[in-house]
Protein backbone atom coordinates (compact mmCIF):
# COMPACT_ATOMS: atom_id res chain seq x y z
CA MET A 1 5.63 -30.03 13.95
CA SER A 2 3.87 -30.12 10.39
CA MET A 3 5.75 -28.92 7.91
CA ARG A 4 3.34 -25.92 7.06
CA LEU A 5 3.80 -24.88 11.01
CA SER A 6 7.46 -24.87 10.54
CA TRP A 7 7.83 -23.05 7.51
CA LEU A 8 5.48 -20.39 9.13
CA ALA A 9 7.87 -20.28 11.95
CA VAL A 10 10.62 -18.97 10.15
CA PRO A 11 9.55 -15.58 9.59
CA VAL A 12 7.75 -15.74 13.18
CA LEU A 13 10.74 -16.37 14.54
CA ASN A 14 12.71 -13.68 12.14
CA THR A 15 10.78 -11.22 13.59
CA LEU A 16 11.14 -12.11 17.19
CA TYR A 17 14.90 -11.92 17.01
CA GLN A 18 14.44 -8.15 15.75
CA PHE A 19 11.89 -7.51 18.99
CA PHE A 20 14.42 -9.38 20.94
CA ILE A 21 17.41 -7.43 19.52
CA LYS A 22 15.52 -3.85 19.29
CA HIS A 23 15.03 -4.29 23.07
CA GLY A 24 18.41 -5.25 23.77
CA ALA A 25 20.40 -2.83 21.65
CA ALA A 26 18.23 0.62 23.73
CA GLN A 27 19.65 -1.58 27.33
CA LEU A 28 23.35 -1.28 25.70
CA ASP A 29 22.95 2.69 24.95
CA GLY A 30 26.25 4.15 25.78
CA ALA A 31 28.53 1.08 26.55
CA ALA A 32 31.75 0.56 25.13
CA GLY A 33 34.35 -2.24 24.84
CA ALA A 34 34.35 -4.76 27.27
CA ASP A 35 31.71 -3.39 29.30
CA TRP A 36 29.52 -3.50 26.22
CA LEU A 37 30.12 -7.58 25.61
CA TRP A 38 29.22 -8.06 29.24
CA ARG A 39 26.09 -6.11 29.23
CA ALA A 40 25.11 -7.89 26.06
CA LEU A 41 25.99 -11.27 27.54
CA ALA A 42 24.01 -10.17 30.67
CA SER A 43 21.06 -8.78 28.76
CA HIS A 44 17.61 -11.13 28.99
CA TRP A 45 16.74 -9.88 25.62
CA ILE A 46 20.03 -10.74 23.76
CA LEU A 47 20.04 -14.33 25.23
CA ALA A 48 16.21 -14.34 24.26
CA ALA A 49 17.43 -13.17 20.65
CA ILE A 50 20.22 -15.58 20.50
CA ALA A 51 17.59 -18.50 21.49
CA ALA A 52 15.45 -17.66 18.64
CA GLU A 53 18.16 -17.47 16.49
CA ILE A 54 19.31 -20.93 17.14
CA LEU A 55 15.28 -22.35 17.08
CA CYS A 56 15.07 -21.04 13.58
CA PHE A 57 18.00 -22.09 12.61
CA PHE A 58 17.02 -26.13 13.30
CA ILE A 59 13.42 -25.21 11.90
CA TRP A 60 15.13 -24.06 8.48
CA MET A 61 17.33 -27.06 8.48
CA ASN A 62 14.18 -29.21 8.46
CA VAL A 63 12.44 -26.61 5.90
CA LEU A 64 15.16 -27.55 3.64
CA SER A 65 15.15 -30.82 4.31
CA GLU A 66 11.96 -31.40 2.76
CA LEU A 67 11.27 -28.39 0.41
CA ASP A 68 12.96 -27.13 -2.70
CA LEU A 69 14.97 -24.16 -1.96
CA SER A 70 13.26 -22.19 -4.41
CA ARG A 71 9.81 -22.72 -2.28
CA ALA A 72 11.20 -22.56 0.79
CA PHE A 73 13.26 -19.17 0.64
CA PRO A 74 10.22 -17.18 -0.22
CA LEU A 75 8.81 -17.50 2.81
CA SER A 76 11.42 -15.44 4.39
CA GLY A 77 10.33 -12.26 2.49
CA ILE A 78 7.47 -12.45 5.22
CA SER A 79 9.70 -11.24 7.71
CA TYR A 80 10.16 -7.94 6.13
CA VAL A 81 6.43 -7.21 6.70
CA LEU A 82 6.13 -8.72 10.39
CA ILE A 83 8.92 -6.67 11.10
CA ILE A 84 7.63 -3.08 9.60
CA ALA A 85 3.87 -3.97 11.44
CA THR A 86 6.25 -4.95 14.52
CA GLY A 87 7.78 -1.75 14.59
CA TRP A 88 4.58 -0.09 14.16
CA PHE A 89 2.55 -2.11 16.55
CA VAL A 90 5.01 -2.67 19.66
CA PHE A 91 7.73 0.54 19.12
CA GLY A 92 5.66 3.34 18.01
CA GLU A 93 7.37 3.37 14.44
CA PRO A 94 5.63 5.68 11.87
CA VAL A 95 4.73 3.53 8.50
CA VAL A 96 4.79 5.29 5.38
CA GLY A 97 3.08 4.67 2.29
CA LEU A 98 5.76 3.63 0.38
CA GLN A 99 6.52 0.79 2.98
CA VAL A 100 2.59 -0.17 3.11
CA ILE A 101 3.21 -0.47 -1.09
CA GLY A 102 6.43 -2.27 -0.60
CA SER A 103 4.87 -4.51 2.09
CA GLY A 104 2.07 -5.43 -1.08
CA LEU A 105 4.71 -5.93 -2.92
CA ILE A 106 6.85 -8.21 -1.12
CA LEU A 107 3.60 -10.27 -0.61
CA THR A 108 2.88 -10.09 -4.05
CA GLY A 109 6.00 -10.97 -5.32
CA VAL A 110 5.90 -14.02 -2.06
CA TRP A 111 2.43 -15.48 -3.49
CA LEU A 112 3.94 -15.38 -7.03
CA ILE A 113 7.05 -16.87 -6.33
CA ALA A 114 5.51 -19.82 -4.49
CA GLY A 115 2.96 -20.59 -6.79
CA ALA A 116 5.55 -20.40 -9.69
CA ALA A 117 7.31 -23.32 -7.81
CA GLY A 118 4.16 -24.90 -7.28
CA GLU A 119 3.37 -24.79 -11.39
CA ALA A 120 6.73 -26.05 -11.90
CA SER A 121 6.31 -28.89 -9.64
CA ARG A 122 2.93 -29.65 -11.22
CA GLN A 123 4.93 -29.73 -14.57
CA ASP A 124 7.72 -31.95 -13.73
CA ASP A 125 5.23 -34.19 -12.12
CA TRP A 126 3.24 -34.54 -15.48
CA ASP A 127 6.07 -34.69 -17.15
CA THR A 128 7.24 -37.99 -15.14
CA GLU A 129 4.07 -39.53 -15.79
CA HIS A 130 3.53 -38.83 -19.56
CA ASN A 131 7.17 -39.95 -20.20
CA SER A 132 6.72 -43.15 -18.37
CA LEU A 133 4.11 -43.79 -20.71
CA ARG A 134 6.48 -43.53 -23.51
CA VAL A 135 9.42 -45.71 -22.24
CA ASP A 136 8.72 -48.81 -24.60
CA THR A 137 6.60 -46.91 -27.36
CA GLY A 138 9.86 -47.51 -29.44
CA LYS A 139 9.59 -50.96 -29.85
CA ASP A 140 8.42 -52.83 -33.10
CA ARG A 141 5.37 -54.54 -32.95
């Protein structure tokens, strides 16, 4: 899987996890104690949530092995936007104006942070290139 697909899989899997947990929680309504635990372990929704979370963990480890944390982590903010959209689209939950504005701010923040990390990376490349040109400049001719 390419790094870009791996990177995008994380918020999608986080959203799926929340979707599965929401369905699983509805199945457990009214259960308590040991009954709750056995019903949770028998729920295909809860098991799907666990599988999604485990898969997300391994993909995230792969992403972190390739990218700086400051570049990889901001993408997780997109999960908030996807979860609000899923709540509205799948569960019919109301979305108010403040949630739309907040989602826009989150997406803007992710874009700015990712751009800043890219700018810092380009600055480091420039510094490395130009500092390597100065290595032998202190010698007398």
